[in-house]
Amino acid sequence: MTTIVTSHSSTILSSVVSEYFSQKPAAGRYWPELQHRFQVEIVPALGSYKLIRDITKKDIRALLEAKRRIYPAAARTMYDGLRPFFKWCISYDYLSVSPLEGLFPPPAPASRDRILSPLEIISIWRATDDDNVFSPFFRLLLLTGQRRQEVSGMASNEINDQLWIIPSCRTKTKTPSVVSLSTLASIEIQRCRYIDRGLSGFSKAKARLDRLSGVSNWRIHDLRRTCASYMAMQAVPEHIIERVLNHRIPGVRGIYNRYSYIQEKAEGLQKLSNYIFNLTTM
């Protein structure tokens, strides 16, 4: 059990969390995502009305273990979010010792190399041929190679004719991503009902898609890897694929080469679109 410091230690967890997130938010999407994780997962699991001083290492270990059994990568993310929170609690005299002290972080997830096979792509494509709000979302992940939060947070003012311009504040690399919309991607954009509204409930949507498609043992992020891999199979150059994915380009290439490659990226994504169209209509 953590040591009592002041009357602050008699404050319930939910109140401390509210004060923590009332601080000036960090730039980008990390802060609201972390706040959401605390509100819907961490606080309810530990006990909204539990005193901050009564949260123990055993409580945190159980929380992380429960997450690790279901989603190992998320357990490490949860630990990384809890560490600065408890450090803040100490600096503001809610605690003198963090319940994370002496608790080893969950292991970092191993890098993955899972890509969907052609038959799996066909199964997922057919399973998303309905009016479910998530169906165009999953297809756009595959067709554009952009990240989950970038696709789910799509706004109408980001779409200009055949270009989808994701502002730097919404990308992981903090640089704008200019995505050329292929023939199939343009069709899926027209099907999107979540534009300007956002999406939530990814786990349930993924589980539903697994049941409908019969495809298992894959993650949403694997669609991004699948997009890149199948572009490579269509002879799209690696440096173009990197730019489609909006990777941070290292060294001289990233510093001095300011050419946008919009046409080359459009051609690469259209090759992927043509392949998927032929694959799923055969």
C-alpha atoms as a PDB file:
ATOM      1  CA  MET A   1       0.000   0.000   0.000  1.00  0.00           C
ATOM      2  CA  THR A   2       1.286   3.461  -0.844  1.00  0.00           C
ATOM      3  CA  THR A   3       2.235   5.884   1.897  1.00  0.00           C
ATOM      4  CA  ILE A   4      -0.183   8.585   3.049  1.00  0.00           C
ATOM      5  CA  VAL A   5       1.260  12.047   2.531  1.00  0.00           C
ATOM      6  CA  THR A   6      -1.377  14.729   3.068  1.00  0.00           C
ATOM      7  CA  SER A   7      -5.139  15.108   3.040  1.00  0.00           C
ATOM      8  CA  HIS A   8      -4.791  14.832  -0.728  1.00  0.00           C
ATOM      9  CA  SER A   9      -4.367  11.095  -0.250  1.00  0.00           C
ATOM     10  CA  SER A  10      -7.985  10.872   0.871  1.00  0.00           C
ATOM     11  CA  THR A  11      -9.138  11.913  -2.606  1.00  0.00           C
ATOM     12  CA  ILE A  12     -10.881   9.343  -4.754  1.00  0.00           C
ATOM     13  CA  LEU A  13      -9.246   8.103  -7.931  1.00  0.00           C
ATOM     14  CA  SER A  14     -11.788   9.566 -10.369  1.00  0.00           C
ATOM     15  CA  SER A  15     -11.274  13.068  -8.936  1.00  0.00           C
ATOM     16  CA  VAL A  16      -7.502  12.809  -9.183  1.00  0.00           C
ATOM     17  CA  VAL A  17      -7.757  11.615 -12.786  1.00  0.00           C
ATOM     18  CA  SER A  18     -10.082  14.530 -13.620  1.00  0.00           C
ATOM     19  CA  GLU A  19      -7.582  16.997 -12.180  1.00  0.00           C
ATOM     20  CA  TYR A  20      -4.733  15.332 -14.051  1.00  0.00           C
ATOM     21  CA  PHE A  21      -6.492  15.689 -17.398  1.00  0.00           C
ATOM     22  CA  SER A  22      -7.571  19.271 -16.679  1.00  0.00           C
ATOM     23  CA  GLN A  23      -3.967  20.274 -17.305  1.00  0.00           C
ATOM     24  CA  LYS A  24      -2.994  21.841 -20.591  1.00  0.00           C
ATOM     25  CA  PRO A  25      -3.349  18.984 -23.074  1.00  0.00           C
ATOM     26  CA  ALA A  26      -0.354  17.752 -24.977  1.00  0.00           C
ATOM     27  CA  ALA A  27      -0.216  18.401 -28.707  1.00  0.00           C
ATOM     28  CA  GLY A  28      -1.537  15.770 -31.066  1.00  0.00           C
ATOM     29  CA  ARG A  29      -3.979  12.962 -30.448  1.00  0.00           C
ATOM     30  CA  TYR A  30      -2.119  11.180 -27.614  1.00  0.00           C
ATOM     31  CA  TRP A  31      -3.641  13.164 -24.740  1.00  0.00           C
ATOM     32  CA  PRO A  32      -7.338  12.642 -25.641  1.00  0.00           C
ATOM     33  CA  GLU A  33      -6.640   8.974 -26.408  1.00  0.00           C
ATOM     34  CA  LEU A  34      -4.986   8.545 -23.010  1.00  0.00           C
ATOM     35  CA  GLN A  35      -7.849  10.332 -21.270  1.00  0.00           C
ATOM     36  CA  HIS A  36     -10.330   8.025 -22.998  1.00  0.00           C
ATOM     37  CA  ARG A  37      -8.328   4.988 -21.874  1.00  0.00           C
ATOM     38  CA  PHE A  38      -8.384   6.178 -18.269  1.00  0.00           C
ATOM     39  CA  GLN A  39     -12.113   6.965 -18.324  1.00  0.00           C
ATOM     40  CA  VAL A  40     -13.411   3.798 -19.951  1.00  0.00           C
ATOM     41  CA  GLU A  41     -10.868   1.226 -18.815  1.00  0.00           C
ATOM     42  CA  ILE A  42      -8.392   2.110 -16.088  1.00  0.00           C
ATOM     43  CA  VAL A  43     -10.580   4.024 -13.629  1.00  0.00           C
ATOM     44  CA  PRO A  44     -13.530   1.581 -13.756  1.00  0.00           C
ATOM     45  CA  ALA A  45     -11.163  -1.383 -13.326  1.00  0.00           C
ATOM     46  CA  LEU A  46      -9.366   0.116 -10.315  1.00  0.00           C
ATOM     47  CA  GLY A  47     -12.528   1.604  -8.798  1.00  0.00           C
ATOM     48  CA  SER A  48     -13.808   5.112  -9.467  1.00  0.00           C
ATOM     49  CA  TYR A  49     -14.434   5.779  -5.780  1.00  0.00           C
ATOM     50  CA  LYS A  50     -11.323   4.077  -4.496  1.00  0.00           C
ATOM     51  CA  LEU A  51      -8.993   6.373  -2.583  1.00  0.00           C
ATOM     52  CA  ILE A  52      -5.834   7.163  -4.497  1.00  0.00           C
ATOM     53  CA  ARG A  53      -3.798   6.089  -1.442  1.00  0.00           C
ATOM     54  CA  ASP A  54      -5.410   2.627  -1.484  1.00  0.00           C
ATOM     55  CA  ILE A  55      -4.278   1.676  -4.981  1.00  0.00           C
ATOM     56  CA  THR A  56      -1.607  -0.979  -4.585  1.00  0.00           C
ATOM     57  CA  LYS A  57       1.011  -2.638  -6.711  1.00  0.00           C
ATOM     58  CA  LYS A  58      -1.197  -5.737  -6.661  1.00  0.00           C
ATOM     59  CA  ASP A  59      -4.064  -3.732  -8.191  1.00  0.00           C
ATOM     60  CA  ILE A  60      -1.866  -2.443 -10.997  1.00  0.00           C
ATOM     61  CA  ARG A  61      -0.345  -5.863 -11.627  1.00  0.00           C
ATOM     62  CA  ALA A  62      -3.823  -7.395 -11.942  1.00  0.00           C
ATOM     63  CA  LEU A  63      -4.899  -4.611 -14.308  1.00  0.00           C
ATOM     64  CA  LEU A  64      -1.888  -5.091 -16.560  1.00  0.00           C
ATOM     65  CA  GLU A  65      -2.092  -8.889 -16.491  1.00  0.00           C
ATOM     66  CA  ALA A  66      -5.752  -8.825 -17.507  1.00  0.00           C
ATOM     67  CA  LYS A  67      -4.890  -6.601 -20.452  1.00  0.00           C
ATOM     68  CA  ARG A  68      -1.812  -8.626 -21.388  1.00  0.00           C
ATOM     69  CA  ARG A  69      -3.817 -11.848 -21.661  1.00  0.00           C
ATOM     70  CA  ILE A  70      -6.136 -10.247 -24.223  1.00  0.00           C
ATOM     71  CA  TYR A  71      -3.873  -7.782 -26.030  1.00  0.00           C
ATOM     72  CA  PRO A  72      -0.163  -7.857 -25.065  1.00  0.00           C
ATOM     73  CA  ALA A  73       0.787  -4.693 -26.938  1.00  0.00           C
ATOM     74  CA  ALA A  74      -1.940  -2.688 -25.167  1.00  0.00           C
ATOM     75  CA  ALA A  75      -0.607  -3.770 -21.767  1.00  0.00           C
ATOM     76  CA  ARG A  76       2.690  -2.030 -22.471  1.00  0.00           C
ATOM     77  CA  THR A  77       0.819   1.057 -23.722  1.00  0.00           C
ATOM     78  CA  MET A  78      -1.263   1.076 -20.535  1.00  0.00           C
ATOM     79  CA  TYR A  79       1.855   0.869 -18.365  1.00  0.00           C
ATOM     80  CA  ASP A  80       3.426   3.759 -20.276  1.00  0.00           C
ATOM     81  CA  GLY A  81       0.297   5.842 -19.637  1.00  0.00           C
ATOM     82  CA  LEU A  82       0.136   5.024 -15.915  1.00  0.00           C
ATOM     83  CA  ARG A  83       3.778   5.884 -15.196  1.00  0.00           C
ATOM     84  CA  PRO A  84       3.550   9.669 -15.796  1.00  0.00           C
ATOM     85  CA  PHE A  85       0.165   9.771 -14.034  1.00  0.00           C
ATOM     86  CA  PHE A  86       1.556   8.339 -10.790  1.00  0.00           C
ATOM     87  CA  LYS A  87       4.656  10.506 -11.114  1.00  0.00           C
ATOM     88  CA  TRP A  88       2.323  13.507 -11.290  1.00  0.00           C
ATOM     89  CA  CYS A  89       0.447  12.213  -8.218  1.00  0.00           C
ATOM     90  CA  ILE A  90       3.711  12.250  -6.281  1.00  0.00           C
ATOM     91  CA  SER A  91       4.635  15.754  -7.443  1.00  0.00           C
ATOM     92  CA  TYR A  92       1.220  17.066  -6.329  1.00  0.00           C
ATOM     93  CA  ASP A  93       1.373  15.293  -2.933  1.00  0.00           C
ATOM     94  CA  TYR A  94      -1.338  12.733  -3.584  1.00  0.00           C
ATOM     95  CA  LEU A  95       1.199   9.959  -3.018  1.00  0.00           C
ATOM     96  CA  SER A  96       4.760   9.589  -1.829  1.00  0.00           C
ATOM     97  CA  VAL A  97       5.416   6.308  -3.616  1.00  0.00           C
ATOM     98  CA  SER A  98       4.080   5.116  -6.951  1.00  0.00           C
ATOM     99  CA  PRO A  99       2.313   1.731  -6.969  1.00  0.00           C
ATOM    100  CA  LEU A 100       4.352   1.075 -10.113  1.00  0.00           C
ATOM    101  CA  GLU A 101       7.603   1.156  -8.138  1.00  0.00           C
ATOM    102  CA  GLY A 102       9.339  -2.192  -8.428  1.00  0.00           C
ATOM    103  CA  LEU A 103       6.818  -3.409 -10.994  1.00  0.00           C
ATOM    104  CA  PHE A 104       8.439  -4.503 -14.231  1.00  0.00           C
ATOM    105  CA  PRO A 105       6.797  -3.152 -17.393  1.00  0.00           C
ATOM    106  CA  PRO A 106       5.061  -5.667 -19.660  1.00  0.00           C
ATOM    107  CA  PRO A 107       7.410  -6.838 -22.405  1.00  0.00           C
ATOM    108  CA  ALA A 108       7.443  -4.779 -25.570  1.00  0.00           C
ATOM    109  CA  PRO A 109       5.484  -6.540 -28.299  1.00  0.00           C
ATOM    110  CA  ALA A 110       7.473  -8.421 -30.888  1.00  0.00           C
ATOM    111  CA  SER A 111       7.438  -6.943 -34.347  1.00  0.00           C
ATOM    112  CA  ARG A 112       4.783  -8.499 -36.548  1.00  0.00           C
ATOM    113  CA  ASP A 113       4.989  -9.646 -40.125  1.00  0.00           C
ATOM    114  CA  ARG A 114       1.373 -10.721 -40.665  1.00  0.00           C
ATOM    115  CA  ILE A 115      -0.142  -9.840 -44.006  1.00  0.00           C
ATOM    116  CA  LEU A 116      -3.445 -11.084 -45.348  1.00  0.00           C
ATOM    117  CA  SER A 117      -3.403 -13.698 -48.056  1.00  0.00           C
ATOM    118  CA  PRO A 118      -5.357 -13.142 -51.294  1.00  0.00           C
ATOM    119  CA  LEU A 119      -8.102 -15.501 -50.062  1.00  0.00           C
ATOM    120  CA  GLU A 120      -8.301 -13.622 -46.761  1.00  0.00           C
ATOM    121  CA  ILE A 121      -8.578 -10.309 -48.612  1.00  0.00           C
ATOM    122  CA  ILE A 122     -11.453 -11.747 -50.653  1.00  0.00           C
ATOM    123  CA  SER A 123     -13.203 -12.962 -47.492  1.00  0.00           C
ATOM    124  CA  ILE A 124     -12.831  -9.622 -45.706  1.00  0.00           C
ATOM    125  CA  TRP A 125     -13.886  -7.700 -48.806  1.00  0.00           C
ATOM    126  CA  ARG A 126     -17.059  -9.765 -49.143  1.00  0.00           C
ATOM    127  CA  ALA A 127     -17.794  -9.439 -45.429  1.00  0.00           C
ATOM    128  CA  THR A 128     -17.624  -5.638 -45.723  1.00  0.00           C
ATOM    129  CA  ASP A 129     -20.033  -5.489 -48.656  1.00  0.00           C
ATOM    130  CA  ASP A 130     -22.847  -4.227 -46.426  1.00  0.00           C
ATOM    131  CA  ASP A 131     -24.100  -0.987 -44.886  1.00  0.00           C
ATOM    132  CA  ASN A 132     -22.329  -1.385 -41.545  1.00  0.00           C
ATOM    133  CA  VAL A 133     -20.635   1.887 -40.596  1.00  0.00           C
ATOM    134  CA  PHE A 134     -17.269   0.119 -40.189  1.00  0.00           C
ATOM    135  CA  SER A 135     -17.273  -1.575 -43.610  1.00  0.00           C
ATOM    136  CA  PRO A 136     -15.785   1.325 -45.617  1.00  0.00           C
ATOM    137  CA  PHE A 137     -13.404   1.998 -42.720  1.00  0.00           C
ATOM    138  CA  PHE A 138     -11.806  -1.449 -43.005  1.00  0.00           C
ATOM    139  CA  ARG A 139     -11.638  -1.213 -46.787  1.00  0.00           C
ATOM    140  CA  LEU A 140     -10.027   2.230 -46.680  1.00  0.00           C
ATOM    141  CA  LEU A 141      -7.360   0.969 -44.287  1.00  0.00           C
ATOM    142  CA  LEU A 142      -6.405  -1.597 -46.907  1.00  0.00           C
ATOM    143  CA  LEU A 143      -6.737   0.737 -49.905  1.00  0.00           C
ATOM    144  CA  THR A 144      -4.834   3.725 -48.485  1.00  0.00           C
ATOM    145  CA  GLY A 145      -2.364   2.260 -45.990  1.00  0.00           C
ATOM    146  CA  GLN A 146      -3.061   5.032 -43.494  1.00  0.00           C
ATOM    147  CA  ARG A 147      -3.256   4.485 -39.750  1.00  0.00           C
ATOM    148  CA  ARG A 148      -6.422   3.579 -37.852  1.00  0.00           C
ATOM    149  CA  GLN A 149      -6.905   6.950 -36.166  1.00  0.00           C
ATOM    150  CA  GLU A 150      -6.210   8.803 -39.403  1.00  0.00           C
ATOM    151  CA  VAL A 151      -8.885   6.864 -41.291  1.00  0.00           C
ATOM    152  CA  SER A 152     -11.441   6.867 -38.478  1.00  0.00           C
ATOM    153  CA  GLY A 153     -10.980  10.607 -37.873  1.00  0.00           C
ATOM    154  CA  MET A 154     -11.472  11.616 -41.481  1.00  0.00           C
ATOM    155  CA  ALA A 155     -13.041  15.068 -41.965  1.00  0.00           C
ATOM    156  CA  SER A 156     -14.857  16.400 -45.022  1.00  0.00           C
ATOM    157  CA  ASN A 157     -12.575  19.443 -45.241  1.00  0.00           C
ATOM    158  CA  GLU A 158      -9.595  17.096 -45.701  1.00  0.00           C
ATOM    159  CA  ILE A 159     -10.971  15.716 -48.987  1.00  0.00           C
ATOM    160  CA  ASN A 160     -10.370  17.750 -52.128  1.00  0.00           C
ATOM    161  CA  ASP A 161     -11.406  16.028 -55.343  1.00  0.00           C
ATOM    162  CA  GLN A 162      -9.154  12.949 -55.625  1.00  0.00           C
ATOM    163  CA  LEU A 163      -6.873  13.923 -52.752  1.00  0.00           C
ATOM    164  CA  TRP A 164      -7.235  13.266 -49.047  1.00  0.00           C
ATOM    165  CA  ILE A 165      -4.936  15.639 -47.179  1.00  0.00           C
ATOM    166  CA  ILE A 166      -4.419  14.618 -43.561  1.00  0.00           C
ATOM    167  CA  PRO A 167      -3.098  17.592 -41.541  1.00  0.00           C
ATOM    168  CA  SER A 168       0.064  17.253 -39.496  1.00  0.00           C
ATOM    169  CA  CYS A 169      -1.877  17.461 -36.221  1.00  0.00           C
ATOM    170  CA  ARG A 170      -3.507  14.119 -37.059  1.00  0.00           C
ATOM    171  CA  THR A 171      -0.495  12.137 -38.227  1.00  0.00           C
ATOM    172  CA  LYS A 172       2.009  10.167 -36.161  1.00  0.00           C
ATOM    173  CA  THR A 173       4.984  11.776 -37.908  1.00  0.00           C
ATOM    174  CA  LYS A 174       3.572  15.315 -37.424  1.00  0.00           C
ATOM    175  CA  THR A 175       3.859  15.884 -41.158  1.00  0.00           C
ATOM    176  CA  PRO A 176       0.881  16.140 -43.542  1.00  0.00           C
ATOM    177  CA  SER A 177      -0.034  13.039 -45.475  1.00  0.00           C
ATOM    178  CA  VAL A 178      -1.322  13.576 -48.999  1.00  0.00           C
ATOM    179  CA  VAL A 179      -3.238  10.469 -50.054  1.00  0.00           C
ATOM    180  CA  SER A 180      -4.332  10.062 -53.653  1.00  0.00           C
ATOM    181  CA  LEU A 181      -7.716   8.377 -53.743  1.00  0.00           C
ATOM    182  CA  SER A 182      -7.800   5.423 -56.109  1.00  0.00           C
ATOM    183  CA  THR A 183     -10.929   4.291 -57.915  1.00  0.00           C
ATOM    184  CA  LEU A 184     -11.974   1.904 -55.135  1.00  0.00           C
ATOM    185  CA  ALA A 185     -10.987   4.334 -52.364  1.00  0.00           C
ATOM    186  CA  SER A 186     -13.183   7.041 -53.912  1.00  0.00           C
ATOM    187  CA  ILE A 187     -16.126   4.628 -53.906  1.00  0.00           C
ATOM    188  CA  GLU A 188     -15.555   3.799 -50.243  1.00  0.00           C
ATOM    189  CA  ILE A 189     -15.336   7.495 -49.338  1.00  0.00           C
ATOM    190  CA  GLN A 190     -18.841   7.896 -50.743  1.00  0.00           C
ATOM    191  CA  ARG A 191     -20.033   5.088 -48.468  1.00  0.00           C
ATOM    192  CA  CYS A 192     -18.568   6.627 -45.299  1.00  0.00           C
ATOM    193  CA  ARG A 193     -21.173   7.769 -42.781  1.00  0.00           C
ATOM    194  CA  TYR A 194     -18.652   8.512 -40.059  1.00  0.00           C
ATOM    195  CA  ILE A 195     -16.844  11.412 -41.759  1.00  0.00           C
ATOM    196  CA  ASP A 196     -16.774  14.425 -39.383  1.00  0.00           C
ATOM    197  CA  ARG A 197     -18.226  12.174 -36.667  1.00  0.00           C
ATOM    198  CA  GLY A 198     -15.475   9.698 -35.927  1.00  0.00           C
ATOM    199  CA  LEU A 199     -15.656   6.060 -34.913  1.00  0.00           C
ATOM    200  CA  SER A 200     -15.341   4.121 -31.675  1.00  0.00           C
ATOM    201  CA  GLY A 201     -15.769   0.492 -30.736  1.00  0.00           C
ATOM    202  CA  PHE A 202     -12.978  -0.908 -32.886  1.00  0.00           C
ATOM    203  CA  SER A 203     -12.652  -4.161 -30.921  1.00  0.00           C
ATOM    204  CA  LYS A 204     -16.314  -5.080 -31.324  1.00  0.00           C
ATOM    205  CA  ALA A 205     -16.249  -4.136 -35.002  1.00  0.00           C
ATOM    206  CA  LYS A 206     -13.143  -6.257 -35.558  1.00  0.00           C
ATOM    207  CA  ALA A 207     -14.735  -9.231 -33.749  1.00  0.00           C
ATOM    208  CA  ARG A 208     -17.837  -8.890 -35.918  1.00  0.00           C
ATOM    209  CA  LEU A 209     -15.706  -8.826 -39.063  1.00  0.00           C
ATOM    210  CA  ASP A 210     -13.837 -11.933 -37.906  1.00  0.00           C
ATOM    211  CA  ARG A 211     -17.122 -13.794 -37.505  1.00  0.00           C
ATOM    212  CA  LEU A 212     -18.467 -12.697 -40.880  1.00  0.00           C
ATOM    213  CA  SER A 213     -15.268 -13.267 -42.838  1.00  0.00           C
ATOM    214  CA  GLY A 214     -13.928 -16.341 -41.078  1.00  0.00           C
ATOM    215  CA  VAL A 215     -10.493 -14.668 -40.984  1.00  0.00           C
ATOM    216  CA  SER A 216      -8.777 -14.714 -37.600  1.00  0.00           C
ATOM    217  CA  ASN A 217      -5.428 -14.079 -35.941  1.00  0.00           C
ATOM    218  CA  TRP A 218      -4.946 -10.656 -37.477  1.00  0.00           C
ATOM    219  CA  ARG A 219      -4.986  -7.086 -36.207  1.00  0.00           C
ATOM    220  CA  ILE A 220      -6.310  -3.892 -37.672  1.00  0.00           C
ATOM    221  CA  HIS A 221      -2.768  -2.584 -38.177  1.00  0.00           C
ATOM    222  CA  ASP A 222      -2.015  -5.609 -40.370  1.00  0.00           C
ATOM    223  CA  LEU A 223      -4.125  -3.990 -43.098  1.00  0.00           C
ATOM    224  CA  ARG A 224      -1.510  -1.238 -43.345  1.00  0.00           C
ATOM    225  CA  ARG A 225       1.255  -3.826 -43.742  1.00  0.00           C
ATOM    226  CA  THR A 226      -0.873  -5.708 -46.259  1.00  0.00           C
ATOM    227  CA  CYS A 227      -1.363  -2.528 -48.286  1.00  0.00           C
ATOM    228  CA  ALA A 228       2.388  -1.931 -48.415  1.00  0.00           C
ATOM    229  CA  SER A 229       3.204  -5.536 -49.241  1.00  0.00           C
ATOM    230  CA  TYR A 230       0.747  -5.815 -52.101  1.00  0.00           C
ATOM    231  CA  MET A 231       1.930  -2.520 -53.574  1.00  0.00           C
ATOM    232  CA  ALA A 232       5.429  -4.007 -53.554  1.00  0.00           C
ATOM    233  CA  MET A 233       4.040  -7.077 -55.320  1.00  0.00           C
ATOM    234  CA  GLN A 234       2.702  -4.722 -58.010  1.00  0.00           C
ATOM    235  CA  ALA A 235       6.258  -3.399 -58.541  1.00  0.00           C
ATOM    236  CA  VAL A 236       5.664  -0.088 -56.752  1.00  0.00           C
ATOM    237  CA  PRO A 237       9.129   1.210 -55.700  1.00  0.00           C
ATOM    238  CA  GLU A 238       9.939   1.018 -52.009  1.00  0.00           C
ATOM    239  CA  HIS A 239      10.613   4.755 -51.670  1.00  0.00           C
ATOM    240  CA  ILE A 240       7.111   5.452 -53.031  1.00  0.00           C
ATOM    241  CA  ILE A 241       5.527   2.967 -50.609  1.00  0.00           C
ATOM    242  CA  GLU A 242       7.328   4.691 -47.723  1.00  0.00           C
ATOM    243  CA  ARG A 243       5.809   7.995 -48.746  1.00  0.00           C
ATOM    244  CA  VAL A 244       2.342   6.510 -49.184  1.00  0.00           C
ATOM    245  CA  LEU A 245       2.612   5.272 -45.602  1.00  0.00           C
ATOM    246  CA  ASN A 246       3.907   8.695 -44.529  1.00  0.00           C
ATOM    247  CA  HIS A 247       6.974   7.191 -42.888  1.00  0.00           C
ATOM    248  CA  ARG A 248       9.593   9.558 -41.554  1.00  0.00           C
ATOM    249  CA  ILE A 249      12.307   9.583 -44.226  1.00  0.00           C
ATOM    250  CA  PRO A 250      15.775   9.440 -42.630  1.00  0.00           C
ATOM    251  CA  GLY A 251      18.983  11.197 -43.569  1.00  0.00           C
ATOM    252  CA  VAL A 252      19.602  13.317 -46.634  1.00  0.00           C
ATOM    253  CA  ARG A 253      16.484  11.995 -48.401  1.00  0.00           C
ATOM    254  CA  GLY A 254      14.241  13.339 -45.659  1.00  0.00           C
ATOM    255  CA  ILE A 255      16.016  16.671 -45.197  1.00  0.00           C
ATOM    256  CA  TYR A 256      16.711  17.774 -48.747  1.00  0.00           C
ATOM    257  CA  ASN A 257      14.298  15.912 -50.997  1.00  0.00           C
ATOM    258  CA  ARG A 258      11.107  17.986 -50.846  1.00  0.00           C
ATOM    259  CA  TYR A 259       9.510  16.567 -53.952  1.00  0.00           C
ATOM    260  CA  SER A 260       5.944  15.485 -53.094  1.00  0.00           C
ATOM    261  CA  TYR A 261       5.692  12.332 -55.267  1.00  0.00           C
ATOM    262  CA  ILE A 262       1.929  12.877 -55.547  1.00  0.00           C
ATOM    263  CA  GLN A 263       1.690  11.403 -59.046  1.00  0.00           C
ATOM    264  CA  GLU A 264       3.875   8.420 -58.203  1.00  0.00           C
ATOM    265  CA  LYS A 265       1.884   7.723 -55.028  1.00  0.00           C
ATOM    266  CA  ALA A 266      -1.359   7.964 -57.000  1.00  0.00           C
ATOM    267  CA  GLU A 267      -0.080   5.429 -59.513  1.00  0.00           C
ATOM    268  CA  GLY A 268       1.029   3.063 -56.760  1.00  0.00           C
ATOM    269  CA  LEU A 269      -2.298   3.180 -54.943  1.00  0.00           C
ATOM    270  CA  GLN A 270      -4.185   2.759 -58.212  1.00  0.00           C
ATOM    271  CA  LYS A 271      -2.155  -0.369 -58.976  1.00  0.00           C
ATOM    272  CA  LEU A 272      -3.237  -1.723 -55.594  1.00  0.00           C
ATOM    273  CA  SER A 273      -6.841  -0.738 -56.298  1.00  0.00           C
ATOM    274  CA  ASN A 274      -6.783  -2.518 -59.654  1.00  0.00           C
ATOM    275  CA  TYR A 275      -5.316  -5.635 -58.062  1.00  0.00           C
ATOM    276  CA  ILE A 276      -7.942  -5.746 -55.310  1.00  0.00           C
ATOM    277  CA  PHE A 277     -10.754  -5.108 -57.813  1.00  0.00           C
ATOM    278  CA  ASN A 278      -9.589  -7.970 -60.013  1.00  0.00           C
ATOM    279  CA  LEU A 279      -9.033 -10.208 -57.003  1.00  0.00           C
ATOM    280  CA  THR A 280     -12.451  -9.633 -55.453  1.00  0.00           C
ATOM    281  CA  THR A 281     -14.494  -9.785 -58.666  1.00  0.00           C
ATOM    282  CA  MET A 282     -12.976 -12.924 -60.142  1.00  0.00           C
END
